Amino acid sequence: MTTHKAHCLILPYPAQGHINPMLQFSKRLQSKSVKITIATTKSFLKTMQELSTLVSIEAISDGYDDGGHEQAGSFVTYITRFKEVGSDTLSHLIETLTTRGCPVNCIIYDPFLPWAVEVAKKYGLACAAFFTQSCAVDNIYYYVHKGVIKLPPTEVDEQVLVPGLLTIEKSDVPTFVSNPESAKILEMLVDQFSNLENVDWVLINSFYELEKENGLRGYWEWKDEALPDKAIIEINKLQRKLDPANVTINMLNQLLDTCKLERGKLLGKVDVLEAVKNIEVDKAREKEEKLLKMKMFVLISFALFVGFLAAMMMK
């Protein structure tokens, strides 16, 4: 029986560019004996290809199970409905996993879905925010959230000063920020930082050597350790061994299913034979009873015949 150190529920925003970084991070956690369950929307699962990694996939609802964003019609409508329905279905999933005997210990969520923090705290779970965009972009959104940077830039602002970065041109500002018509999208982007004080960890997607001066103020800085060449070689060897092992596991699972099917058929035949046996036993019992009655009839008839002869001879 496999023993896991912990069980992490991964909650990505349902878009390919958000799921891929969280999936790669999930693989790293899984290699450390952490059980992973990825929870994504039913609408996104319909377009999602089968994963080549052994992680559990569970569905939650965004309120638009048939078409996701397109079915909602507008971004604001989608996000509002997703918060309402997503909170409820995520809570139900956590309870379901507990009932199955596999309780969740931690939620790692995409900050595009800040309501996940409330769900985590409701169940007393550890919580981590995982930013999928680059640290430089997150840095801009963070200072917009804090009010340090005023966006979108005005006509007279040809440059934007971002703490921790060089002065950038107006054209370098992310599109969602510089477009006044995207106010609601910008609101969601800066709301990523609205409740970080309630989370246990903040994970940033960054190239440390390129952005070491760009850490978000007030949050931990995390640097991934480079693996030595020998370790990478060993990992590749293990991966090559794992691939045929997965094929073998699939074959064994198919064989097990076949055995279960044959077992079911044999049990059905045994039940039929048992029924036939019971019928034959009942028939044999009926024959014994008839034979006994015939014997009694013959004995009685013989006794009467003997008595009749004796009476005739006495006359």
Protein backbone atom coordinates (compact mmCIF):
# COMPACT_ATOMS: atom_id res chain seq x y z
CA MET A 1 0.00 0.00 0.00
CA THR A 2 1.44 3.36 -1.05
CA THR A 3 1.97 5.87 1.77
CA HIS A 4 1.81 9.57 0.96
CA LYS A 5 3.33 12.34 3.03
CA ALA A 6 0.43 14.65 2.24
CA HIS A 7 -2.44 15.18 -0.19
CA CYS A 8 -2.45 18.43 -2.18
CA LEU A 9 -5.48 19.63 -4.11
CA ILE A 10 -4.37 21.71 -7.12
CA LEU A 11 -6.83 24.36 -8.31
CA PRO A 12 -5.70 26.00 -11.59
CA TYR A 13 -7.54 28.65 -13.56
CA PRO A 14 -9.14 26.72 -16.48
CA ALA A 15 -6.80 27.87 -19.25
CA GLN A 16 -3.89 25.98 -20.83
CA GLY A 17 -1.28 28.59 -19.94
CA HIS A 18 -2.28 28.40 -16.28
CA ILE A 19 -2.65 24.62 -16.00
CA ASN A 20 0.71 23.67 -17.55
CA PRO A 21 2.95 25.41 -14.93
CA MET A 22 0.86 24.00 -12.08
CA LEU A 23 1.00 20.55 -13.64
CA GLN A 24 4.81 20.67 -13.81
CA PHE A 25 4.95 21.81 -10.19
CA SER A 26 2.57 18.98 -9.28
CA LYS A 27 4.97 16.46 -10.81
CA ARG A 28 7.75 17.83 -8.60
CA LEU A 29 5.59 17.42 -5.52
CA GLN A 30 4.55 13.94 -6.61
CA SER A 31 8.21 12.91 -6.83
CA LYS A 32 8.44 13.78 -3.12
CA SER A 33 5.68 11.28 -2.22
CA VAL A 34 2.93 13.88 -2.17
CA LYS A 35 -0.45 12.74 -3.51
CA ILE A 36 -1.81 15.13 -6.14
CA THR A 37 -5.42 15.75 -7.16
CA ILE A 38 -6.04 18.35 -9.86
CA ALA A 39 -9.48 19.97 -9.73
CA THR A 40 -10.58 21.70 -12.91
CA THR A 41 -13.91 22.62 -14.46
CA LYS A 42 -16.18 20.18 -16.28
CA SER A 43 -16.22 22.48 -19.31
CA PHE A 44 -12.40 22.49 -19.53
CA LEU A 45 -12.17 18.70 -19.05
CA LYS A 46 -14.17 18.27 -22.25
CA THR A 47 -11.34 19.89 -24.23
CA MET A 48 -8.44 18.50 -22.18
CA GLN A 49 -6.23 15.72 -23.51
CA GLU A 50 -5.42 12.73 -21.31
CA LEU A 51 -2.46 13.46 -19.04
CA SER A 52 0.66 11.32 -19.35
CA THR A 53 1.29 11.50 -15.62
CA LEU A 54 -0.26 9.54 -12.78
CA VAL A 55 -2.24 12.31 -11.08
CA SER A 56 -5.88 12.19 -10.09
CA ILE A 57 -8.28 14.47 -11.95
CA GLU A 58 -11.53 15.62 -10.34
CA ALA A 59 -14.20 17.93 -11.74
CA ILE A 60 -15.75 21.02 -10.21
CA SER A 61 -18.25 23.35 -11.82
CA ASP A 62 -17.85 26.95 -13.00
CA GLY A 63 -21.60 27.22 -13.55
CA TYR A 64 -21.19 26.78 -17.32
CA ASP A 65 -20.48 23.05 -17.73
CA ASP A 66 -21.30 22.98 -21.45
CA GLY A 67 -19.17 25.85 -22.72
CA GLY A 68 -17.21 27.69 -20.01
CA HIS A 69 -16.23 31.25 -20.98
CA GLU A 70 -18.06 31.14 -24.31
CA GLN A 71 -21.30 29.97 -22.73
CA ALA A 72 -21.13 32.77 -20.13
CA GLY A 73 -21.00 35.43 -22.82
CA SER A 74 -18.81 37.87 -20.91
CA PHE A 75 -15.76 37.70 -18.68
CA VAL A 76 -17.45 39.44 -15.73
CA THR A 77 -20.44 37.08 -15.86
CA TYR A 78 -18.15 34.07 -15.98
CA ILE A 79 -15.94 35.10 -13.05
CA THR A 80 -18.93 36.05 -10.87
CA ARG A 81 -20.71 32.76 -11.51
CA PHE A 82 -17.49 30.76 -11.12
CA LYS A 83 -16.97 32.18 -7.62
CA GLU A 84 -20.48 31.18 -6.52
CA VAL A 85 -20.65 27.71 -8.02
CA GLY A 86 -16.93 26.96 -7.77
CA SER A 87 -16.84 27.56 -4.01
CA ASP A 88 -19.73 25.15 -3.44
CA THR A 89 -18.46 22.39 -5.73
CA LEU A 90 -14.89 22.69 -4.40
CA SER A 91 -16.25 22.28 -0.86
CA HIS A 92 -18.23 19.24 -1.98
CA LEU A 93 -15.10 17.73 -3.59
CA ILE A 94 -13.08 18.17 -0.37
CA GLU A 95 -15.83 16.42 1.60
CA THR A 96 -16.08 13.65 -1.00
CA LEU A 97 -12.33 12.96 -0.89
CA THR A 98 -12.50 12.79 2.91
CA THR A 99 -15.36 10.29 2.68
CA ARG A 100 -13.26 8.17 0.30
CA GLY A 101 -10.55 7.99 2.96
CA CYS A 102 -8.21 10.36 1.16
CA PRO A 103 -8.54 13.71 2.98
CA VAL A 104 -6.92 16.84 1.56
CA ASN A 105 -4.14 18.53 3.58
CA CYS A 106 -3.37 21.50 1.36
CA ILE A 107 -4.87 23.56 -1.46
CA ILE A 108 -2.52 25.09 -4.05
CA TYR A 109 -4.57 27.57 -6.06
CA ASP A 110 -4.15 29.99 -8.94
CA PRO A 111 -4.54 33.55 -7.52
CA PHE A 112 -6.98 34.25 -10.38
CA LEU A 113 -9.35 32.34 -8.05
CA PRO A 114 -8.79 34.07 -4.68
CA TRP A 115 -12.01 32.62 -3.23
CA ALA A 116 -10.17 29.31 -2.85
CA VAL A 117 -8.52 30.76 0.28
CA GLU A 118 -11.91 31.03 2.01
CA VAL A 119 -12.70 27.41 1.17
CA ALA A 120 -9.31 26.24 2.47
CA LYS A 121 -9.70 28.10 5.76
CA LYS A 122 -13.26 26.77 6.12
CA TYR A 123 -11.85 23.24 6.32
CA GLY A 124 -8.68 24.15 8.23
CA LEU A 125 -6.40 23.32 5.29
CA ALA A 126 -2.98 24.74 4.51
CA CYS A 127 -3.09 27.08 1.53
CA ALA A 128 -0.55 28.19 -1.09
CA ALA A 129 -0.90 30.74 -3.89
CA PHE A 130 0.87 29.72 -7.10
CA PHE A 131 1.46 32.58 -9.57
CA THR A 132 1.74 31.22 -13.11
CA GLN A 133 2.82 34.47 -14.78
CA SER A 134 6.40 35.74 -14.63
CA CYS A 135 7.58 37.53 -11.53
CA ALA A 136 8.15 40.77 -13.49
CA VAL A 137 4.52 40.88 -14.61
CA ASP A 138 3.26 39.97 -11.14
CA ASN A 139 5.45 42.76 -9.77
CA ILE A 140 3.56 45.32 -11.89
CA TYR A 141 0.16 43.98 -10.83
CA TYR A 142 1.27 43.99 -7.19
CA TYR A 143 2.20 47.67 -7.22
CA VAL A 144 -1.01 48.52 -9.06
CA HIS A 145 -2.84 46.73 -6.23
CA LYS A 146 -0.88 48.76 -3.65
CA GLY A 147 -1.58 52.01 -5.48
CA VAL A 148 2.12 52.70 -6.11
CA ILE A 149 1.60 52.58 -9.87
CA LYS A 150 -1.33 54.36 -11.46
CA LEU A 151 -2.60 52.61 -14.56
CA PRO A 152 -3.44 52.86 -17.35
CA PRO A 153 -0.72 55.43 -18.18
CA THR A 154 -1.93 58.85 -19.26
CA GLU A 155 -0.99 60.46 -22.53
CA VAL A 156 1.82 62.39 -20.82
CA ASP A 157 3.27 59.29 -19.13
CA GLU A 158 5.70 57.94 -21.69
CA GLN A 159 7.48 55.84 -19.04
CA VAL A 160 6.36 53.84 -16.01
CA LEU A 161 8.56 53.45 -12.92
CA VAL A 162 8.19 50.00 -11.34
CA PRO A 163 10.06 49.41 -8.03
CA GLY A 164 12.57 46.61 -8.44
CA LEU A 165 12.66 47.05 -12.23
CA LEU A 166 14.23 49.47 -14.63
CA THR A 167 12.01 52.23 -15.92
CA ILE A 168 9.83 50.72 -18.64
CA GLU A 169 8.14 52.30 -21.62
CA LYS A 170 4.40 52.76 -21.79
CA SER A 171 4.27 50.17 -24.57
CA ASP A 172 5.93 47.61 -22.27
CA VAL A 173 3.06 47.63 -19.79
CA PRO A 174 0.96 44.41 -20.02
CA THR A 175 -1.99 44.75 -22.39
CA PHE A 176 -4.62 44.11 -19.73
CA VAL A 177 -3.25 47.03 -17.74
CA SER A 178 -2.83 49.60 -20.51
CA ASN A 179 -6.23 49.07 -22.14
CA PRO A 180 -8.88 51.18 -20.35
CA GLU A 181 -11.65 48.94 -21.73
CA SER A 182 -10.28 46.01 -19.76
CA ALA A 183 -11.04 47.50 -16.34
CA LYS A 184 -12.74 44.39 -15.03
CA ILE A 185 -9.92 42.13 -16.20
CA LEU A 186 -7.42 44.46 -14.56
CA GLU A 187 -9.47 44.35 -11.37
CA MET A 188 -9.21 40.56 -11.31
CA LEU A 189 -5.47 40.67 -12.01
CA VAL A 190 -4.72 43.00 -9.12
CA ASP A 191 -7.16 41.16 -6.84
CA GLN A 192 -4.72 38.25 -6.95
CA PHE A 193 -3.00 39.98 -4.05
CA SER A 194 -6.16 40.83 -2.08
CA ASN A 195 -5.89 38.06 0.53
CA LEU A 196 -2.30 36.83 0.37
CA GLU A 197 -1.91 37.67 4.04
CA ASN A 198 -4.20 34.70 4.76
CA VAL A 199 -2.20 32.09 2.86
CA ASP A 200 0.63 29.93 4.19
CA TRP A 201 2.92 30.12 1.14
CA VAL A 202 3.32 32.30 -1.94
CA LEU A 203 4.99 30.61 -4.92
CA ILE A 204 6.31 32.78 -7.76
CA ASN A 205 7.26 31.64 -11.26
CA SER A 206 10.67 33.24 -11.83
CA PHE A 207 14.21 32.93 -13.22
CA TYR A 208 16.14 33.82 -10.10
CA GLU A 209 19.35 35.02 -11.74
CA LEU A 210 17.40 37.22 -14.18
CA GLU A 211 14.96 38.64 -11.66
CA LYS A 212 16.70 38.48 -8.29
CA GLU A 213 16.18 42.24 -7.84
CA ASN A 214 12.49 41.83 -8.59
CA GLY A 215 11.15 39.96 -5.55
CA LEU A 216 7.75 41.03 -4.30
CA ARG A 217 8.31 43.19 -1.20
CA GLY A 218 7.17 41.57 2.02
CA TYR A 219 7.05 38.00 0.64
CA TRP A 220 9.50 35.15 0.75
CA GLU A 221 11.93 34.61 -2.06
CA TRP A 222 12.34 31.01 -3.19
CA LYS A 223 15.19 29.71 -5.33
CA ASP A 224 15.04 26.30 -6.93
CA GLU A 225 18.26 24.33 -6.62
CA ALA A 226 19.94 23.24 -9.82
CA LEU A 227 20.29 19.49 -10.15
CA PRO A 228 23.75 18.07 -10.87
CA ASP A 229 24.28 16.37 -14.23
CA LYS A 230 24.58 12.96 -12.58
CA ALA A 231 21.20 13.37 -10.92
CA ILE A 232 19.59 14.41 -14.22
CA ILE A 233 21.05 11.31 -15.90
CA GLU A 234 19.65 9.09 -13.15
CA ILE A 235 16.25 10.77 -13.40
CA ASN A 236 16.18 10.16 -17.16
CA LYS A 237 17.09 6.51 -16.57
CA LEU A 238 14.30 6.13 -14.06
CA GLN A 239 11.89 7.82 -16.45
CA ARG A 240 12.82 5.35 -19.18
CA LYS A 241 12.17 2.50 -16.73
CA LEU A 242 8.91 4.09 -15.61
CA ASP A 243 7.43 4.24 -19.10
CA PRO A 244 7.43 0.44 -19.70
CA ALA A 245 6.34 -0.02 -16.08
CA ASN A 246 3.29 2.11 -16.80
CA VAL A 247 2.57 -0.03 -19.87
CA THR A 248 2.87 -3.15 -17.71
CA ILE A 249 0.54 -1.66 -15.12
CA ASN A 250 -2.04 -0.92 -17.82
CA MET A 251 -1.74 -4.49 -19.13
CA LEU A 252 -2.14 -5.91 -15.63
CA ASN A 253 -5.16 -3.71 -15.04
CA GLN A 254 -6.71 -5.00 -18.27
CA LEU A 255 -5.90 -8.58 -17.22
CA LEU A 256 -7.45 -7.93 -13.83
CA ASP A 257 -10.61 -6.60 -15.47
CA THR A 258 -10.75 -9.73 -17.66
CA CYS A 259 -10.29 -11.97 -14.60
CA LYS A 260 -13.07 -10.13 -12.79
CA LEU A 261 -15.33 -10.60 -15.81
CA GLU A 262 -14.55 -14.34 -16.04
CA ARG A 263 -15.04 -14.69 -12.30
CA GLY A 264 -18.46 -13.09 -12.64
CA LYS A 265 -19.36 -15.54 -15.43
CA LEU A 266 -18.17 -18.54 -13.36
CA LEU A 267 -20.15 -17.36 -10.35
CA GLY A 268 -23.19 -17.14 -12.60
CA LYS A 269 -22.66 -20.75 -13.77
CA VAL A 270 -22.20 -21.91 -10.18
CA ASP A 271 -25.50 -20.28 -9.25
CA VAL A 272 -27.21 -22.09 -12.17
CA LEU A 273 -25.68 -25.44 -11.16
CA GLU A 274 -26.71 -24.86 -7.57
CA ALA A 275 -30.28 -24.20 -8.69
CA VAL A 276 -30.27 -27.37 -10.86
CA LYS A 277 -28.90 -29.37 -7.94
CA ASN A 278 -31.67 -28.14 -5.66
CA ILE A 279 -34.29 -29.06 -8.27
CA GLU A 280 -32.85 -32.58 -8.63
CA VAL A 281 -32.76 -33.04 -4.85
CA ASP A 282 -36.41 -32.04 -4.64
CA LYS A 283 -37.30 -34.51 -7.40
CA ALA A 284 -35.41 -37.34 -5.65
CA ARG A 285 -37.18 -36.56 -2.37
CA GLU A 286 -40.56 -36.70 -4.13
CA LYS A 287 -39.68 -40.09 -5.69
CA GLU A 288 -38.65 -41.49 -2.29
CA GLU A 289 -41.97 -40.37 -0.81
CA LYS A 290 -43.93 -42.00 -3.67
CA LEU A 291 -41.91 -45.23 -3.34
CA LEU A 292 -42.59 -45.34 0.38
CA LYS A 293 -46.31 -44.86 -0.22
CA MET A 294 -46.30 -47.70 -2.80
CA LYS A 295 -44.54 -50.01 -0.34
CA MET A 296 -47.14 -49.24 2.31
CA PHE A 297 -49.93 -49.87 -0.20
CA VAL A 298 -48.45 -53.23 -1.24
CA LEU A 299 -48.02 -54.36 2.37
CA ILE A 300 -51.54 -53.36 3.31
CA SER A 301 -52.96 -55.04 0.17
CA PHE A 302 -51.00 -58.23 0.89
CA ALA A 303 -52.23 -58.31 4.48
CA LEU A 304 -55.83 -57.92 3.35
CA PHE A 305 -55.38 -60.68 0.71
CA VAL A 306 -53.95 -63.09 3.28
CA GLY A 307 -56.79 -62.33 5.66
CA PHE A 308 -59.30 -62.91 2.87
CA LEU A 309 -57.76 -66.33 2.02
CA ALA A 310 -57.74 -67.37 5.66
CA ALA A 311 -61.40 -66.53 5.98
CA MET A 312 -62.31 -68.54 2.87
CA MET A 313 -60.41 -71.59 4.09
CA MET A 314 -62.17 -71.53 7.44
CA LYS A 315 -65.53 -71.84 5.68
